[in-house]
Amino acid sequence: MTSRILHWADGAEFAGTSDRWADVTNPATGKVSGRLALADPDDAAQVIASAVQAQEAWAETSLARRTQVLFAFRELLNARRPELAQIITAEHGKVHSDSLGEIARGLEVVEFACGISHLLKGGHTEAASTGVDVHSKRVPLGVVGVISPFNFPAMVPMWFFPIAIAAGNSVVLKPSEKDPSASLWIAKLWKEAGLPDGVFNVLQGDKVAVDALLTSPDVASISFVGSTPIAEYVYRTASEHGKRVQALGGAKNHMLVLPDADLDLAADAAVSAGYGSAGERCMAISVLVAVDSIADDLVTRISERTRTLLIGDGAAGSEREADMGPLVTRAHRDRIAGLIGSGESAGAKLVIDGRSVSARGDEDGFWLGPTLFDHVSSEMEIYREEIFGPVLCVVRVPSYEAGVELINANAYGNGTAIFTNDGGAARRFEKDVEVGMIGVNVPVPVPVAYYSFGGWKRSLFGDTHAHGTEGVHFFTRGKVVTTRWIDPANRPAGGLDLGFPQNV
């Protein structure tokens, strides 16, 4: 039996008028688990209209009441996170503990948004000029669009919508077609938390749904996470239609290991950051940059650890939870297998070949094991391309300087890490490296919610990162009010004055 996965507007599911449907699969079995409604322009218009109708009343709702709804949502999400984790694992394939971790990081942003009242405070200046006061305020944008990727169906949307809703906006979420059910579960949770109908909406679909959000005159902003080519398209199209845009693109995250580093710690980190969630993370380490003198030793330690990993169905309840699950779709699995072949043909040393993995699970699952390449060069396709899978490439360099030069020459600038016991080298690395997020002995430096998330170069289009105070500013715009109240007893002399006002 397969379920129908529908849109959500006005506080309820609806199938829409389109006759287009897509299969949703369980990656661990390869079997179809659901049929997804793909929006046509009329369906998109109905969802956007729901958000428009609800937004003004929600913006006029007191901050106290908005905060109460946010707190209620937080409590429900925290209590029922195992339900959501099960949904994520069934459609994405990541192991159950990783799904729980995704929700925990998204929950941090919900908690941050619960304190929105402090961050929406304006400023006030009394007697800026004679008898004149000035104050500032931040007001919501209106209807905001969120277009999220398959790899984090709960966490990435939660980078955006808690802050947007807390600030008084209404939201239209367009989830990935590969794992869309989490979005509907979240929509129902918002309703249970007391959010008015129409403030949170879900538009299912493909490029038709995306283009409807990018071009609608009723949508004020777009928040996007995905590949760089699509991020460029989203940024260009939405900007041409007068929208505020934050489009987070692809990544090729490097981890530089210096000779003085704790190599056991570095090896553990490389395996965890390279193969966690099957490498389907925008912050995954995909390139390990090893200084020559410790490269052989480090590669040996990484390969030893990699061979111990259990690959299998990530659903909860097994006698031992798998370390890594399947890839999200068969097409994605086959693409990565092709890239492994490309690396082999280009002359990289294939230390561990994940194409021959023996997985614990259905033989029709989209399995690909951890893959380790050594002696990779920057000209190879496996170095240039964002693989987005469990492939770790080792590039050898003669020195710290050569490692930084390699990282800075890369087109992406999302995140990077350095492993060292030298505080001076770490401090220098912070200054030298040209990326948005840096880890020092931390392989996946995803910031906590009150700091911003975002990269540099071709990893970000737009000038605003996700969550933190940058997120608050993205989902609001400023107003400045200049006020003068006239005391009838001391009314100033009248008369016309065409000169430019002067502050006195």
Protein backbone atom coordinates (compact mmCIF):
# COMPACT_ATOMS: atom_id res chain seq x y z
CA MET A 1 0.00 0.00 0.00
CA THR A 2 1.30 3.47 -0.88
CA SER A 3 0.17 6.71 0.67
CA ARG A 4 -0.79 9.90 -1.12
CA ILE A 5 1.41 12.85 -0.16
CA LEU A 6 -0.47 16.10 -0.73
CA HIS A 7 -0.18 19.87 -0.38
CA TRP A 8 -1.10 21.78 2.79
CA ALA A 9 -2.97 25.10 2.83
CA ASP A 10 -5.57 26.75 5.04
CA GLY A 11 -4.73 24.22 7.74
CA ALA A 12 -5.58 21.08 5.74
CA GLU A 13 -4.28 18.73 3.07
CA PHE A 14 -5.53 18.98 -0.49
CA ALA A 15 -4.70 17.11 -3.68
CA GLY A 16 -4.95 20.03 -6.09
CA THR A 17 -6.01 19.99 -9.72
CA SER A 18 -2.86 18.65 -11.33
CA ASP A 19 -2.84 15.15 -12.75
CA ARG A 20 0.93 14.82 -12.29
CA TRP A 21 2.22 12.47 -9.60
CA ALA A 22 5.68 11.17 -8.66
CA ASP A 23 6.87 8.09 -6.80
CA VAL A 24 8.52 8.38 -3.40
CA THR A 25 10.71 5.42 -2.50
CA ASN A 26 12.20 3.83 0.60
CA PRO A 27 15.94 3.85 -0.22
CA ALA A 28 16.63 0.82 1.96
CA THR A 29 14.23 -1.38 0.01
CA GLY A 30 13.96 0.32 -3.37
CA LYS A 31 10.18 0.05 -3.12
CA VAL A 32 7.65 2.80 -3.75
CA SER A 33 6.22 4.04 -0.44
CA GLY A 34 4.14 6.98 -1.58
CA ARG A 35 2.69 8.96 -4.47
CA LEU A 36 3.46 12.67 -4.41
CA ALA A 37 1.17 15.33 -5.86
CA LEU A 38 3.14 17.62 -8.19
CA ALA A 39 1.67 21.11 -8.24
CA ASP A 40 0.49 22.89 -11.32
CA PRO A 41 0.29 26.73 -11.44
CA ASP A 42 -3.26 26.71 -10.07
CA ASP A 43 -2.24 24.59 -7.07
CA ALA A 44 0.66 26.93 -6.38
CA ALA A 45 -1.63 29.94 -6.59
CA GLN A 46 -4.02 28.36 -4.07
CA VAL A 47 -1.23 27.69 -1.56
CA ILE A 48 0.26 31.17 -1.95
CA ALA A 49 -3.20 32.72 -1.59
CA SER A 50 -3.64 30.89 1.70
CA ALA A 51 -0.41 32.45 2.98
CA VAL A 52 -1.42 35.92 1.76
CA GLN A 53 -4.80 35.76 3.45
CA ALA A 54 -3.34 34.70 6.81
CA GLN A 55 -0.27 36.93 6.97
CA GLU A 56 -1.69 40.31 7.93
CA ALA A 57 -3.62 38.99 10.93
CA TRP A 58 -0.60 37.00 12.07
CA ALA A 59 1.64 40.08 11.80
CA GLU A 60 -0.82 41.99 13.98
CA THR A 61 -0.79 39.21 16.58
CA SER A 62 1.11 40.26 19.69
CA LEU A 63 4.67 39.14 20.20
CA ALA A 64 3.53 37.51 23.43
CA ARG A 65 1.01 35.33 21.60
CA ARG A 66 3.43 34.50 18.77
CA THR A 67 6.00 33.40 21.35
CA GLN A 68 3.44 31.19 23.08
CA VAL A 69 2.78 29.37 19.79
CA LEU A 70 6.52 28.98 19.19
CA PHE A 71 6.98 27.51 22.67
CA ALA A 72 4.08 25.11 22.13
CA PHE A 73 5.57 23.97 18.81
CA ARG A 74 8.93 23.48 20.51
CA GLU A 75 7.43 21.31 23.24
CA LEU A 76 5.49 19.15 20.79
CA LEU A 77 8.50 18.72 18.51
CA ASN A 78 10.77 17.80 21.39
CA ALA A 79 8.31 15.25 22.77
CA ARG A 80 7.58 13.60 19.43
CA ARG A 81 10.88 13.76 17.63
CA PRO A 82 11.10 9.92 17.31
CA GLU A 83 8.01 10.01 15.07
CA LEU A 84 9.61 12.54 12.74
CA ALA A 85 12.92 10.67 12.77
CA GLN A 86 11.15 7.53 11.60
CA ILE A 87 9.61 9.42 8.67
CA ILE A 88 12.98 10.91 7.68
CA THR A 89 14.76 7.55 7.78
CA ALA A 90 12.04 5.86 5.73
CA GLU A 91 12.28 8.38 2.88
CA HIS A 92 15.86 9.67 3.04
CA GLY A 93 17.66 6.54 4.24
CA LYS A 94 19.88 8.06 6.94
CA VAL A 95 20.12 6.00 10.11
CA HIS A 96 17.64 6.67 12.91
CA SER A 97 20.17 8.27 15.28
CA ASP A 98 21.26 10.64 12.52
CA SER A 99 17.64 11.60 11.89
CA LEU A 100 17.26 12.36 15.58
CA GLY A 101 20.41 14.48 15.43
CA GLU A 102 19.02 16.43 12.48
CA ILE A 103 15.87 17.23 14.43
CA ALA A 104 17.89 18.28 17.48
CA ARG A 105 19.83 20.83 15.44
CA GLY A 106 16.64 22.17 13.90
CA LEU A 107 15.11 22.38 17.36
CA GLU A 108 17.91 24.76 18.33
CA VAL A 109 16.61 27.28 15.79
CA VAL A 110 13.06 26.91 17.12
CA GLU A 111 14.41 27.68 20.59
CA PHE A 112 16.33 30.66 19.23
CA ALA A 113 13.12 31.94 17.60
CA CYS A 114 11.32 31.72 20.94
CA GLY A 115 13.43 34.72 21.98
CA ILE A 116 12.48 36.77 18.93
CA SER A 117 10.95 39.58 21.01
CA HIS A 118 14.37 40.78 22.11
CA LEU A 119 15.71 40.74 18.56
CA LEU A 120 12.77 42.69 17.13
CA LYS A 121 13.27 45.59 19.50
CA GLY A 122 13.84 48.90 17.77
CA GLY A 123 15.80 51.90 18.95
CA HIS A 124 14.55 55.22 20.33
CA THR A 125 16.19 58.62 20.46
CA GLU A 126 14.50 61.42 22.37
CA ALA A 127 15.06 65.01 21.26
CA ALA A 128 17.11 64.11 18.19
CA SER A 129 16.24 67.65 17.16
CA THR A 130 14.30 70.29 19.04
CA GLY A 131 11.01 68.69 20.00
CA VAL A 132 11.64 65.80 17.62
CA ASP A 133 11.96 62.12 18.58
CA VAL A 134 13.12 59.29 16.31
CA HIS A 135 12.49 55.57 16.69
CA SER A 136 13.14 52.49 14.55
CA LYS A 137 11.22 49.26 14.19
CA ARG A 138 11.48 45.99 12.29
CA VAL A 139 8.43 44.66 10.48
CA PRO A 140 7.74 41.36 8.67
CA LEU A 141 8.20 40.99 4.91
CA GLY A 142 4.86 39.27 4.26
CA VAL A 143 4.77 35.88 2.51
CA VAL A 144 8.15 34.10 2.37
CA GLY A 145 9.12 31.05 0.33
CA VAL A 146 11.42 28.26 1.53
CA ILE A 147 12.79 25.74 -0.98
CA SER A 148 14.58 22.93 0.84
CA PRO A 149 16.79 20.01 -0.25
CA PHE A 150 16.43 16.26 0.26
CA ASN A 151 19.39 15.76 2.58
CA PHE A 152 17.84 17.46 5.64
CA PRO A 153 14.04 17.43 5.22
CA ALA A 154 13.50 18.74 8.77
CA MET A 155 16.61 20.67 9.81
CA VAL A 156 17.09 22.86 6.74
CA PRO A 157 13.49 24.14 6.65
CA MET A 158 13.86 24.81 10.38
CA TRP A 159 16.80 27.09 9.64
CA PHE A 160 14.22 29.44 8.15
CA PHE A 161 10.57 29.01 9.06
CA PRO A 162 10.74 29.36 12.89
CA ILE A 163 12.38 32.78 12.55
CA ALA A 164 10.12 33.83 9.68
CA ILE A 165 6.97 32.87 11.59
CA ALA A 166 8.14 34.39 14.87
CA ALA A 167 8.80 37.66 13.03
CA GLY A 168 5.22 37.79 11.74
CA ASN A 169 5.53 36.33 8.24
CA SER A 170 3.58 33.50 6.67
CA VAL A 171 5.50 30.67 5.00
CA VAL A 172 5.20 28.52 1.90
CA LEU A 173 7.56 25.54 2.14
CA LYS A 174 8.47 23.64 -1.04
CA PRO A 175 10.18 20.43 0.15
CA SER A 176 12.21 18.03 -1.96
CA GLU A 177 10.24 15.56 -4.04
CA LYS A 178 12.49 12.77 -2.73
CA ASP A 179 11.42 12.95 0.95
CA PRO A 180 8.37 15.22 1.29
CA SER A 181 6.41 13.59 4.13
CA ALA A 182 8.32 15.34 6.94
CA SER A 183 6.90 18.67 5.74
CA LEU A 184 3.30 17.53 6.22
CA TRP A 185 4.07 16.12 9.66
CA ILE A 186 5.53 19.50 10.63
CA ALA A 187 2.49 21.33 9.21
CA LYS A 188 0.16 19.26 11.37
CA LEU A 189 2.35 19.92 14.41
CA TRP A 190 2.09 23.69 13.83
CA LYS A 191 -1.69 23.38 13.72
CA GLU A 192 -1.67 21.43 16.98
CA ALA A 193 0.55 24.12 18.52
CA GLY A 194 -2.08 26.76 17.77
CA LEU A 195 -0.64 28.44 14.69
CA PRO A 196 -3.49 30.02 12.69
CA ASP A 197 -4.40 28.30 9.43
CA GLY A 198 -2.54 29.67 6.44
CA VAL A 199 0.56 30.87 8.30
CA PHE A 200 2.48 27.67 7.47
CA ASN A 201 1.80 26.02 4.10
CA VAL A 202 3.36 23.24 2.03
CA LEU A 203 3.56 23.27 -1.76
CA GLN A 204 4.64 19.89 -3.15
CA GLY A 205 6.19 19.61 -6.58
CA ASP A 206 9.06 20.10 -8.94
CA LYS A 207 10.30 23.01 -11.07
CA VAL A 208 6.73 24.17 -11.72
CA ALA A 209 6.24 24.77 -8.00
CA VAL A 210 9.66 26.39 -7.64
CA ASP A 211 9.06 28.78 -10.53
CA ALA A 212 5.67 29.74 -9.11
CA LEU A 213 7.35 30.85 -5.89
CA LEU A 214 10.19 32.62 -7.69
CA THR A 215 7.87 34.67 -9.90
CA SER A 216 4.80 35.27 -7.72
CA PRO A 217 4.28 38.96 -6.90
CA ASP A 218 2.84 37.88 -3.54
CA VAL A 219 6.06 36.19 -2.34
CA ALA A 220 8.51 38.67 -0.81
CA SER A 221 11.57 36.48 -0.28
CA ILE A 222 13.11 33.14 -1.14
CA SER A 223 15.32 30.99 1.07
CA PHE A 224 16.98 28.14 -0.82
CA VAL A 225 19.46 25.35 -0.10
CA GLY A 226 20.69 23.04 -2.84
CA SER A 227 23.25 22.63 -5.61
CA THR A 228 25.16 25.61 -6.97
CA PRO A 229 23.64 25.57 -10.49
CA ILE A 230 20.12 25.65 -9.03
CA ALA A 231 21.13 28.22 -6.41
CA GLU A 232 22.32 30.49 -9.22
CA TYR A 233 19.04 30.01 -11.08
CA VAL A 234 16.98 30.69 -7.95
CA TYR A 235 19.00 33.79 -7.09
CA ARG A 236 18.83 35.23 -10.60
CA THR A 237 15.15 34.50 -11.21
CA ALA A 238 13.90 35.61 -7.81
CA SER A 239 16.04 38.76 -7.90
CA GLU A 240 14.68 39.66 -11.32
CA HIS A 241 11.22 39.51 -9.77
CA GLY A 242 12.14 41.89 -6.97
CA LYS A 243 12.57 39.41 -4.15
CA ARG A 244 15.01 39.26 -1.29
CA VAL A 245 17.06 36.05 -1.75
CA GLN A 246 19.36 33.85 0.29
CA ALA A 247 20.47 30.92 -1.89
CA LEU A 248 22.92 28.49 -0.30
CA GLY A 249 24.69 26.40 -2.92
CA GLY A 250 27.13 23.53 -3.13
CA ALA A 251 30.32 22.71 -1.27
CA LYS A 252 33.62 20.92 -1.45
CA ASN A 253 34.71 20.95 2.17
CA HIS A 254 38.39 20.37 2.95
CA MET A 255 39.99 19.15 6.17
CA LEU A 256 43.66 20.09 6.57
CA VAL A 257 45.70 17.82 8.86
CA LEU A 258 49.06 19.15 10.06
CA PRO A 259 51.96 16.94 11.23
CA ASP A 260 51.46 17.83 14.90
CA ALA A 261 47.80 16.76 14.94
CA ASP A 262 46.43 13.87 16.99
CA LEU A 263 46.14 11.39 14.11
CA ASP A 264 43.67 9.10 15.87
CA LEU A 265 41.39 12.06 16.49
CA ALA A 266 41.83 13.22 12.90
CA ALA A 267 41.11 9.75 11.49
CA ASP A 268 37.96 9.39 13.60
CA ALA A 269 36.81 12.83 12.46
CA ALA A 270 37.51 12.14 8.78
CA VAL A 271 35.47 8.93 8.82
CA SER A 272 32.59 10.49 10.75
CA ALA A 273 32.48 13.66 8.65
CA GLY A 274 33.09 11.95 5.34
CA TYR A 275 30.64 9.06 5.62
CA GLY A 276 27.98 10.22 8.06
CA SER A 277 24.54 10.32 6.42
CA ALA A 278 26.19 8.59 3.44
CA GLY A 279 28.05 11.81 2.68
CA GLU A 280 24.79 13.53 1.74
CA ARG A 281 25.57 16.65 3.76
CA CYS A 282 26.52 20.09 2.49
CA MET A 283 28.99 20.22 5.39
CA ALA A 284 30.47 16.74 4.82
CA ILE A 285 34.24 16.52 4.55
CA SER A 286 34.90 15.32 1.01
CA VAL A 287 38.59 16.27 0.71
CA LEU A 288 41.22 15.42 3.32
CA VAL A 289 44.36 17.52 2.81
CA ALA A 290 47.27 15.71 4.44
CA VAL A 291 50.79 17.08 4.82
CA ASP A 292 53.15 14.59 3.19
CA SER A 293 55.02 13.51 6.31
CA ILE A 294 51.92 12.04 7.99
CA ALA A 295 49.84 11.13 4.92
CA ASP A 296 50.68 7.40 4.78
CA ASP A 297 49.98 6.92 8.48
CA LEU A 298 46.75 8.90 8.33
CA VAL A 299 45.40 7.05 5.29
CA THR A 300 46.12 3.73 7.00
CA ARG A 301 44.21 4.78 10.12
CA ILE A 302 41.26 6.02 8.07
CA SER A 303 41.08 2.84 6.01
CA GLU A 304 41.20 0.65 9.13
CA ARG A 305 38.26 2.54 10.64
CA THR A 306 36.30 2.63 7.40
CA ARG A 307 36.41 -1.15 7.04
CA THR A 308 34.62 -1.55 10.39
CA LEU A 309 31.52 0.40 9.35
CA LEU A 310 28.20 -1.44 9.12
CA ILE A 311 26.14 -0.45 6.07
CA GLY A 312 22.44 -1.24 6.19
CA ASP A 313 18.85 -0.22 6.77
CA GLY A 314 18.89 2.70 9.19
CA ALA A 315 15.47 2.10 10.70
CA ALA A 316 15.31 1.86 14.48
CA GLY A 317 14.87 -1.53 16.14
CA SER A 318 17.78 -3.51 14.69
CA GLU A 319 20.09 -5.46 16.99
CA ARG A 320 22.82 -2.99 16.07
CA GLU A 321 22.04 0.22 14.29
CA ALA A 322 23.82 0.58 10.99
CA ASP A 323 26.53 3.23 10.81
CA MET A 324 25.50 4.34 7.34
CA GLY A 325 22.36 3.84 5.29
CA PRO A 326 21.65 3.82 1.55
CA LEU A 327 21.77 6.68 -0.93
CA VAL A 328 18.53 8.60 -1.42
CA THR A 329 17.68 7.33 -4.93
CA ARG A 330 18.96 4.75 -7.39
CA ALA A 331 19.90 7.47 -9.88
CA HIS A 332 21.99 9.24 -7.24
CA ARG A 333 23.68 5.98 -6.28
CA ASP A 334 24.53 5.23 -9.91
CA ARG A 335 25.88 8.74 -10.50
CA ILE A 336 28.30 8.40 -7.58
CA ALA A 337 29.37 4.93 -8.71
CA GLY A 338 30.20 6.51 -12.07
CA LEU A 339 32.32 9.17 -10.38
CA ILE A 340 34.23 6.45 -8.51
CA GLY A 341 35.01 4.90 -11.88
CA SER A 342 36.15 8.29 -13.14
CA GLY A 343 38.58 8.68 -10.23
CA GLU A 344 39.98 5.23 -10.81
CA SER A 345 40.48 5.94 -14.51
CA ALA A 346 42.16 9.28 -13.76
CA GLY A 347 44.86 7.55 -11.72
CA ALA A 348 43.78 8.12 -8.13
CA LYS A 349 44.58 5.20 -5.81
CA LEU A 350 41.33 3.45 -4.85
CA VAL A 351 42.04 2.32 -1.29
CA ILE A 352 38.45 1.19 -0.52
CA ASP A 353 35.84 0.63 -3.24
CA GLY A 354 32.29 1.14 -1.98
CA ARG A 355 30.72 -0.26 -5.14
CA SER A 356 31.27 -3.78 -3.86
CA VAL A 357 29.63 -3.22 -0.48
CA SER A 358 27.78 -6.02 1.29
CA ALA A 359 24.91 -4.24 3.03
CA ARG A 360 22.57 -5.52 5.70
CA GLY A 361 19.23 -4.96 4.03
CA ASP A 362 17.08 -5.54 0.99
CA GLU A 363 19.12 -6.33 -2.11
CA ASP A 364 17.10 -3.74 -4.03
CA GLY A 365 18.20 -0.93 -1.70
CA PHE A 366 20.31 1.92 -3.08
CA TRP A 367 23.54 0.74 -1.47
CA LEU A 368 26.98 2.24 -1.94
CA GLY A 369 29.67 1.75 0.67
CA PRO A 370 32.28 4.19 1.97
CA THR A 371 34.92 4.86 -0.66
CA LEU A 372 38.45 6.12 -0.01
CA PHE A 373 40.76 7.59 -2.64
CA ASP A 374 44.41 8.52 -2.10
CA HIS A 375 46.76 10.56 -4.31
CA VAL A 376 43.96 12.68 -5.72
CA SER A 377 44.92 15.79 -7.67
CA SER A 378 42.95 18.99 -8.16
CA GLU A 379 42.53 18.33 -11.91
CA MET A 380 40.52 15.14 -11.35
CA GLU A 381 36.75 15.08 -11.71
CA ILE A 382 36.33 13.52 -8.26
CA TYR A 383 38.06 16.59 -6.80
CA ARG A 384 36.27 19.21 -8.89
CA GLU A 385 32.71 17.87 -8.63
CA GLU A 386 30.49 17.99 -5.56
CA ILE A 387 29.99 14.22 -5.24
CA PHE A 388 27.48 14.40 -2.36
CA GLY A 389 28.05 10.83 -1.35
CA PRO A 390 30.34 8.59 0.76
CA VAL A 391 33.55 9.32 -1.15
CA LEU A 392 36.56 10.73 0.70
CA CYS A 393 39.47 12.02 -1.39
CA VAL A 394 42.96 12.43 0.07
CA VAL A 395 45.13 15.16 -1.46
CA ARG A 396 48.76 15.31 -0.32
CA VAL A 397 50.52 18.65 0.12
CA PRO A 398 54.06 19.54 1.21
CA SER A 399 53.14 22.21 3.75
CA TYR A 400 50.54 24.28 5.59
CA GLU A 401 50.90 27.02 2.98
CA ALA A 402 50.24 24.62 0.10
CA GLY A 403 47.16 23.28 1.89
CA VAL A 404 45.67 26.74 2.38
CA GLU A 405 46.45 27.64 -1.22
CA LEU A 406 44.57 24.53 -2.40
CA ILE A 407 41.53 25.33 -0.24
CA ASN A 408 41.38 28.97 -1.32
CA ALA A 409 41.73 28.08 -5.00
CA ASN A 410 38.59 25.93 -4.84
CA ALA A 411 35.42 27.43 -6.29
CA TYR A 412 33.43 26.65 -3.15
CA GLY A 413 33.76 28.24 0.27
CA ASN A 414 31.22 26.60 2.52
CA GLY A 415 33.12 25.02 5.41
CA THR A 416 36.55 23.72 6.23
CA ALA A 417 38.50 22.33 9.17
CA ILE A 418 42.04 22.18 10.46
CA PHE A 419 43.42 19.52 12.78
CA THR A 420 46.43 20.63 14.78
CA ASN A 421 47.73 21.00 18.33
CA ASP A 422 49.40 24.29 17.44
CA GLY A 423 47.28 27.23 18.56
CA GLY A 424 49.28 29.64 16.45
CA ALA A 425 48.69 27.60 13.30
CA ALA A 426 44.96 27.39 14.07
CA ARG A 427 44.73 31.14 14.63
CA ARG A 428 46.58 31.78 11.38
CA PHE A 429 44.27 29.39 9.54
CA GLU A 430 41.21 31.33 10.73
CA LYS A 431 42.66 34.43 9.06
CA ASP A 432 44.09 32.83 5.93
CA VAL A 433 41.29 30.55 4.75
CA GLU A 434 38.51 31.96 2.54
CA VAL A 435 35.37 30.13 3.68
CA GLY A 436 32.26 30.96 5.68
CA MET A 437 32.53 28.34 8.45
CA ILE A 438 35.73 27.04 10.05
CA GLY A 439 36.36 24.18 12.45
CA VAL A 440 39.45 23.83 14.63
CA ASN A 441 39.68 20.13 15.52
CA VAL A 442 35.93 20.10 14.67
CA PRO A 443 35.26 18.37 11.32
CA VAL A 444 31.69 19.58 10.69
CA PRO A 445 31.60 23.17 11.98
CA VAL A 446 27.85 23.80 11.76
CA PRO A 447 27.30 26.84 13.99
CA VAL A 448 24.83 26.94 16.85
CA ALA A 449 21.55 28.67 16.03
CA TYR A 450 22.45 32.12 17.34
CA TYR A 451 25.34 32.33 14.86
CA SER A 452 24.82 32.42 11.11
CA PHE A 453 25.16 29.49 8.70
CA GLY A 454 26.52 30.15 5.23
CA GLY A 455 29.46 29.96 2.89
CA TRP A 456 31.47 32.20 0.61
CA LYS A 457 32.22 32.21 -3.13
CA ARG A 458 30.02 29.78 -5.11
CA SER A 459 28.50 28.37 -1.92
CA LEU A 460 26.26 31.42 -1.38
CA PHE A 461 24.26 33.68 -3.67
CA GLY A 462 22.95 36.72 -1.88
CA ASP A 463 24.55 38.48 1.06
CA THR A 464 22.63 36.98 3.98
CA HIS A 465 23.35 33.72 5.79
CA ALA A 466 20.80 31.48 7.46
CA HIS A 467 19.52 31.75 11.06
CA GLY A 468 21.09 33.81 13.84
CA THR A 469 20.66 37.58 13.78
CA GLU A 470 21.23 37.56 10.01
CA GLY A 471 18.12 35.41 9.69
CA VAL A 472 16.11 37.86 11.78
CA HIS A 473 17.19 40.73 9.56
CA PHE A 474 16.48 38.73 6.41
CA PHE A 475 12.86 38.09 7.40
CA THR A 476 12.20 41.68 8.51
CA ARG A 477 12.70 45.14 7.08
CA GLY A 478 13.41 48.36 8.88
CA LYS A 479 11.25 51.43 9.40
CA VAL A 480 12.33 54.70 10.96
CA VAL A 481 9.73 57.09 12.37
CA THR A 482 10.43 60.78 13.05
CA THR A 483 7.88 62.36 15.41
CA ARG A 484 7.08 65.88 16.57
CA TRP A 485 4.23 66.69 18.96
CA ILE A 486 3.35 70.36 19.19
CA ASP A 487 2.61 71.87 22.60
CA PRO A 488 -0.20 74.38 21.90
CA ALA A 489 1.12 76.61 24.66
CA ASN A 490 4.54 76.86 23.02
CA ARG A 491 3.63 76.62 19.39
CA PRO A 492 6.56 77.73 17.20
CA ALA A 493 6.12 80.58 14.80
CA GLY A 494 4.54 79.44 11.56
CA GLY A 495 5.33 80.39 8.00
CA LEU A 496 6.67 78.64 4.95
CA ASP A 497 10.27 77.57 4.70
CA LEU A 498 11.38 75.85 1.48
CA GLY A 499 14.89 75.22 2.75
CA PHE A 500 16.16 71.74 3.52
CA PRO A 501 15.30 70.80 7.15
CA GLN A 502 18.20 71.29 9.56
CA ASN A 503 18.60 69.50 12.86
CA VAL A 504 18.85 72.08 15.63
